[in-house]
Amino acid sequence: MKIPHRKKDMRLPIMFAISLLLCFICFASHSSGTSTLLSKGLSIVTTPLRAVAKGTYNAASSVGTYFTDINKLKKENERLTKQNKALSEENAEYQALKDENDSLYKFLDLKKERTDYKFTNANIVSKASSGYLSIFTIDKGSFHGIKENMPIISDEGALLGVTYSVEGSSTRCKSILSYDMNVGVYDKETGETGILSGSFDTFSQSRCVMKALPNESSLALGSKIYTSGLGEVYPRDLFIGTVYGFIPEQGSHTKNAVIALDDSIITSDSIMVITSFERVYE
C-alpha cells in the first residue's frame, strides 16, 4: 500500500516573508521622505509587528540584566561573608590577647605585692569532675619547674587548688572543691581558724565548707576567709571566699560554715603556680 505524501504547510513561511517585505517597503518609504497611501497602509500593518519585536527585545534585555545583577549580588555577598568571617576571627584573637594581657597585668601587680612568692604562669587546658573530685589540667609541667603539692592561684590571687600529677609539659591539678582537699584557713577580723575542704553536700553548688566550728563561733555571714599559712603547702593570706551560711552537725556541739568561693576560682583560665614562698611556722 502506497503511503500518501503529506504536503508541507507553507503558510507560515509565506506570511513571514510578506511581513518582512512590507516592513522593508515601509522603511524605504519613510527614508525617501514620501508618504503614499501604500506606505501608510503598510505602516498600519507593520506597527503591531514592530511593537511585538520591540517588546520581545526589551524583555530579553531585562532578563539578561536581571541575571547579571543577581550574579553581581551573589559575588558581593560572598565577598562580604568572607570579610565578616575574617573580622570575626581577628576580633576573637584580639579579645583572647586582651584577656591574656589583662590577666598578666594582674599577675604582675600580684608579683609586686607579694615579693616573697615565685610564680610560673600557665593556662588551664581542660576541666573535669569525677565523683566528688574536681580536676583540671594546665599546660606546664616538670620542664617548667612544676612539682607536686604546689598551690595554684587565679589572676585575682584566690586559691584554686594544688598540683598533684606532674608530667613533662602538663600537670593535673586538684581543685579545692574536691572532697579530699584540706586547707588551713582563718577569718582575718576575728582570727578564728578552721579547716576548709570540699563537701558532698555543697559540691554541686561550687562551694566548700569550713569544718567543725564551735556553735558559739564568731563567724558571720559575709566574713572573708583566707589561707592561714600553717603547714607546708599553702602560703598565708590567699583569698578563698566568704561565709555563705551554716550547717549544724547533728549530735555534736559544732557546725560547718558554707564558703562561697571567689568567682575567679570558677571562671579563670589563666593561672599562676606558686613555685616557692616563705612558710609560716606557728
Protein backbone atom coordinates (compact mmCIF):
# COMPACT_ATOMS: atom_id res chain seq x y z
CA MET A 1 0.00 0.00 0.00
CA LYS A 2 1.40 3.35 -1.00
CA ILE A 3 1.61 5.89 1.80
CA PRO A 4 0.28 9.29 0.68
CA HIS A 5 2.79 12.09 0.77
CA ARG A 6 1.80 14.93 3.16
CA LYS A 7 2.46 18.34 1.74
CA LYS A 8 4.29 20.82 3.88
CA ASP A 9 2.25 23.73 5.26
CA MET A 10 3.91 26.75 3.65
CA ARG A 11 1.50 29.33 5.01
CA LEU A 12 3.65 30.41 7.97
CA PRO A 13 6.89 30.95 5.99
CA ILE A 14 4.98 32.84 3.28
CA MET A 15 3.32 35.12 5.87
CA PHE A 16 6.69 35.75 7.49
CA ALA A 17 8.26 36.65 4.13
CA ILE A 18 5.38 39.00 3.28
CA SER A 19 5.76 40.69 6.67
CA LEU A 20 9.46 41.26 6.05
CA LEU A 21 8.72 42.70 2.60
CA LEU A 22 6.09 45.02 3.96
CA CYS A 23 8.46 46.23 6.69
CA PHE A 24 11.15 46.88 4.07
CA ILE A 25 8.78 48.86 1.83
CA CYS A 26 7.59 50.91 4.79
CA PHE A 27 11.16 51.64 5.87
CA ALA A 28 12.15 52.65 2.30
CA SER A 29 9.17 54.96 2.03
CA HIS A 30 9.98 56.76 5.27
CA SER A 31 13.65 57.02 4.29
CA SER A 32 12.80 58.68 0.97
CA GLY A 33 10.55 61.22 2.64
CA THR A 34 7.46 60.18 0.68
CA SER A 35 4.21 59.20 2.28
CA THR A 36 1.97 57.27 -0.04
CA LEU A 37 -1.26 55.56 0.70
CA LEU A 38 0.55 52.28 0.34
CA SER A 39 3.19 53.23 2.89
CA LYS A 40 0.51 54.40 5.33
CA GLY A 41 -1.28 51.12 4.96
CA LEU A 42 1.89 49.21 5.39
CA SER A 43 2.69 51.25 8.48
CA ILE A 44 -0.66 50.31 9.99
CA VAL A 45 0.02 46.65 9.30
CA THR A 46 3.63 46.60 10.49
CA THR A 47 3.25 48.74 13.63
CA PRO A 48 1.97 45.85 15.77
CA LEU A 49 4.78 43.68 14.45
CA ARG A 50 7.36 46.30 15.38
CA ALA A 51 5.77 46.68 18.82
CA VAL A 52 5.94 42.94 19.40
CA ALA A 53 9.55 42.83 18.26
CA LYS A 54 10.49 45.77 20.47
CA GLY A 55 8.69 44.26 23.46
CA THR A 56 10.45 40.94 22.92
CA TYR A 57 13.83 42.68 22.70
CA ASN A 58 13.16 44.74 25.85
CA ALA A 59 12.02 41.66 27.76
CA ALA A 60 15.12 39.74 26.73
CA SER A 61 17.31 42.68 27.74
CA SER A 62 15.54 42.89 31.13
CA VAL A 63 16.06 39.18 31.78
CA GLY A 64 19.74 39.47 30.88
CA THR A 65 20.14 42.49 33.15
CA TYR A 66 18.32 40.67 35.98
CA PHE A 67 20.64 37.66 35.87
CA THR A 68 23.68 39.92 35.60
CA ASP A 69 22.57 41.81 38.73
CA ILE A 70 21.91 38.53 40.55
CA ASN A 71 25.44 37.31 39.81
CA LYS A 72 26.91 40.62 40.97
CA LEU A 73 24.92 40.47 44.22
CA LYS A 74 25.94 36.85 44.77
CA LYS A 75 29.64 37.69 44.34
CA GLU A 76 29.30 40.73 46.61
CA ASN A 77 27.54 38.64 49.25
CA GLU A 78 30.33 36.03 49.11
CA ARG A 79 32.95 38.77 49.46
CA LEU A 80 31.17 40.33 52.44
CA THR A 81 30.71 36.90 54.07
CA LYS A 82 34.45 36.18 53.81
CA GLN A 83 35.26 39.66 55.08
CA ASN A 84 32.88 39.27 58.03
CA LYS A 85 34.40 35.86 58.91
CA ALA A 86 37.90 37.32 58.81
CA LEU A 87 36.86 40.25 61.02
CA SER A 88 35.19 37.88 63.48
CA GLU A 89 38.35 35.76 63.70
CA GLU A 90 40.50 38.87 64.17
CA ASN A 91 38.16 40.12 66.90
CA ALA A 92 38.28 36.75 68.70
CA GLU A 93 42.09 36.76 68.55
CA TYR A 94 42.18 40.35 69.78
CA GLN A 95 39.84 39.54 72.68
CA ALA A 96 41.91 36.50 73.64
CA LEU A 97 45.11 38.58 73.61
CA LYS A 98 43.40 41.33 75.60
CA ASP A 99 42.17 38.88 78.23
CA GLU A 100 45.63 37.33 78.45
CA ASN A 101 47.28 40.75 78.79
CA ASP A 102 44.77 41.83 81.45
CA SER A 103 45.48 38.63 83.34
CA LEU A 104 49.26 39.11 83.06
CA TYR A 105 48.95 42.68 84.33
CA LYS A 106 47.05 41.39 87.35
CA PHE A 107 49.73 38.80 87.97
CA LEU A 108 52.39 41.48 87.60
CA ASP A 109 50.67 43.57 90.26
CA LEU A 110 50.48 40.48 92.47
CA LYS A 111 54.19 39.83 91.97
CA LYS A 112 54.97 43.37 93.02
CA GLU A 113 52.76 42.99 96.08
CA ARG A 114 53.96 39.54 97.10
CA THR A 115 57.72 39.61 96.63
CA ASP A 116 58.02 36.51 98.82
CA TYR A 117 56.36 34.42 96.05
CA LYS A 118 57.92 32.91 92.95
CA PHE A 119 55.46 32.22 90.12
CA THR A 120 55.13 30.29 86.91
CA ASN A 121 52.22 31.32 84.71
CA ALA A 122 50.13 28.68 82.90
CA ASN A 123 46.79 28.10 81.22
CA ILE A 124 44.05 25.65 82.08
CA VAL A 125 43.55 23.39 79.06
CA SER A 126 40.84 21.07 80.40
CA LYS A 127 38.48 20.62 83.34
CA ALA A 128 36.69 17.51 84.58
CA SER A 129 34.65 16.27 87.52
CA SER A 130 34.59 12.63 88.62
CA GLY A 131 32.51 11.69 91.60
CA TYR A 132 33.32 14.41 94.11
CA LEU A 133 36.72 15.20 92.63
CA SER A 134 37.23 18.37 90.61
CA ILE A 135 40.29 18.12 88.36
CA PHE A 136 41.87 20.49 85.87
CA THR A 137 44.97 20.26 83.67
CA ILE A 138 47.46 23.05 82.97
CA ASP A 139 49.92 23.42 80.08
CA LYS A 140 53.09 23.48 82.21
CA GLY A 141 54.97 20.62 83.83
CA SER A 142 58.33 19.45 85.16
CA PHE A 143 60.12 21.06 82.19
CA HIS A 144 58.95 24.39 83.63
CA GLY A 145 59.87 23.71 87.24
CA ILE A 146 56.46 22.43 88.35
CA LYS A 147 56.37 19.85 91.16
CA GLU A 148 53.67 18.12 93.18
CA ASN A 149 51.89 19.98 96.00
CA MET A 150 52.41 23.47 94.57
CA PRO A 151 49.49 25.86 95.17
CA ILE A 152 47.65 27.36 92.19
CA ILE A 153 46.02 30.79 92.24
CA SER A 154 43.75 32.78 89.92
CA ASP A 155 44.62 36.19 88.48
CA GLU A 156 42.74 37.68 91.42
CA GLY A 157 45.09 35.96 93.87
CA ALA A 158 42.48 33.46 95.07
CA LEU A 159 43.42 29.85 95.78
CA LEU A 160 42.30 27.45 93.04
CA GLY A 161 43.86 24.21 94.14
CA VAL A 162 47.13 22.28 94.14
CA THR A 163 49.26 20.28 91.69
CA TYR A 164 49.28 16.50 92.18
CA SER A 165 50.33 14.67 88.98
CA VAL A 166 53.20 16.25 87.05
CA GLU A 167 54.40 15.31 83.57
CA GLY A 168 56.95 16.96 81.30
CA SER A 169 54.77 19.64 79.73
CA SER A 170 51.46 19.32 81.58
CA THR A 171 50.18 18.89 85.12
CA ARG A 172 46.95 17.59 86.61
CA CYS A 173 45.68 19.68 89.49
CA LYS A 174 43.09 19.17 92.18
CA SER A 175 40.55 21.94 92.83
CA ILE A 176 39.73 23.00 96.38
CA LEU A 177 36.19 21.80 95.61
CA SER A 178 37.38 18.19 95.83
CA TYR A 179 36.12 16.36 98.91
CA ASP A 180 39.60 15.16 99.93
CA MET A 181 41.16 18.64 99.99
CA ASN A 182 42.12 20.07 103.41
CA VAL A 183 43.34 23.66 103.69
CA GLY A 184 44.07 25.61 106.86
CA VAL A 185 42.04 28.85 106.81
CA TYR A 186 41.11 31.75 109.08
CA ASP A 187 38.94 34.83 109.38
CA LYS A 188 41.08 37.99 109.36
CA GLU A 189 38.68 40.00 111.50
CA THR A 190 38.28 37.55 114.37
CA GLY A 191 41.38 35.41 113.89
CA GLU A 192 39.23 32.30 114.14
CA THR A 193 40.77 29.31 112.36
CA GLY A 194 39.46 26.12 110.81
CA ILE A 195 39.93 23.52 108.07
CA LEU A 196 38.44 24.08 104.63
CA SER A 197 37.53 21.14 102.38
CA GLY A 198 35.15 20.06 99.68
CA SER A 199 31.80 18.64 100.71
CA PHE A 200 29.35 16.11 99.29
CA ASP A 201 26.52 18.46 100.31
CA THR A 202 27.86 21.60 98.58
CA PHE A 203 29.92 20.20 95.68
CA SER A 204 27.21 20.73 93.06
CA GLN A 205 26.86 24.37 94.19
CA SER A 206 30.63 25.03 93.76
CA ARG A 207 31.02 25.76 97.47
CA CYS A 208 33.27 24.42 100.23
CA VAL A 209 32.84 24.09 103.99
CA MET A 210 34.87 25.27 106.96
CA LYS A 211 34.55 22.29 109.27
CA ALA A 212 33.91 21.66 112.94
CA LEU A 213 33.38 25.22 114.18
CA PRO A 214 32.02 25.57 117.71
CA ASN A 215 28.36 26.58 117.85
CA GLU A 216 29.41 29.82 119.58
CA SER A 217 31.75 30.66 116.66
CA SER A 218 32.01 34.38 115.93
CA LEU A 219 31.99 33.89 112.18
CA ALA A 220 29.18 35.82 110.49
CA LEU A 221 27.58 35.83 107.06
CA GLY A 222 29.87 37.65 104.67
CA SER A 223 33.04 37.06 106.72
CA LYS A 224 36.07 36.78 104.41
CA ILE A 225 38.13 33.61 104.64
CA TYR A 226 41.86 33.32 103.79
CA THR A 227 44.51 30.64 103.96
CA SER A 228 46.19 30.55 107.39
CA GLY A 229 49.61 29.59 106.02
CA LEU A 230 50.06 26.76 108.51
CA GLY A 231 51.73 23.68 107.06
CA GLU A 232 53.99 23.10 104.10
CA VAL A 233 51.73 23.58 101.07
CA TYR A 234 49.86 26.92 101.12
CA PRO A 235 51.14 30.44 101.84
CA ARG A 236 49.27 32.76 104.16
CA ASP A 237 46.51 35.16 103.07
CA LEU A 238 45.38 33.63 99.80
CA PHE A 239 41.74 34.58 99.43
CA ILE A 240 39.20 31.73 99.49
CA GLY A 241 35.72 33.27 99.65
CA THR A 242 33.02 34.49 102.01
CA VAL A 243 30.77 32.81 104.58
CA TYR A 244 27.50 31.97 102.83
CA GLY A 245 25.67 30.07 105.57
CA PHE A 246 25.95 27.45 108.33
CA ILE A 247 25.13 23.75 108.58
CA PRO A 248 24.71 22.31 112.11
CA GLU A 249 26.39 18.97 112.86
CA GLN A 250 23.81 16.53 114.19
CA GLY A 251 24.59 15.13 117.64
CA SER A 252 27.51 17.47 118.33
CA HIS A 253 28.27 20.98 119.52
CA THR A 254 29.84 22.03 116.24
CA LYS A 255 28.74 23.43 112.92
CA ASN A 256 30.14 23.86 109.42
CA ALA A 257 30.34 27.21 107.64
CA VAL A 258 29.46 27.12 103.93
CA ILE A 259 32.01 29.14 101.95
CA ALA A 260 31.04 30.76 98.64
CA LEU A 261 34.24 30.70 96.60
CA ASP A 262 35.63 33.69 94.78
CA ASP A 263 34.23 33.86 91.21
CA SER A 264 37.70 33.74 89.68
CA ILE A 265 38.18 30.26 91.16
CA ILE A 266 35.41 29.02 88.85
CA THR A 267 36.00 31.17 85.77
CA SER A 268 39.79 31.53 85.50
CA ASP A 269 41.63 30.02 82.55
CA SER A 270 44.94 31.82 83.09
CA ILE A 271 46.56 30.84 86.38
CA MET A 272 49.79 31.04 88.35
CA VAL A 273 51.61 28.22 90.09
CA ILE A 274 53.40 29.37 93.24
CA THR A 275 56.71 27.52 92.99
CA SER A 276 58.11 28.84 96.26
CA PHE A 277 57.14 31.12 99.17
CA GLU A 278 58.12 31.97 102.72
CA ARG A 279 56.46 29.47 105.02
CA VAL A 280 54.88 30.26 108.36
CA TYR A 281 55.70 28.02 111.33
CA GLU A 282 53.48 28.87 114.30
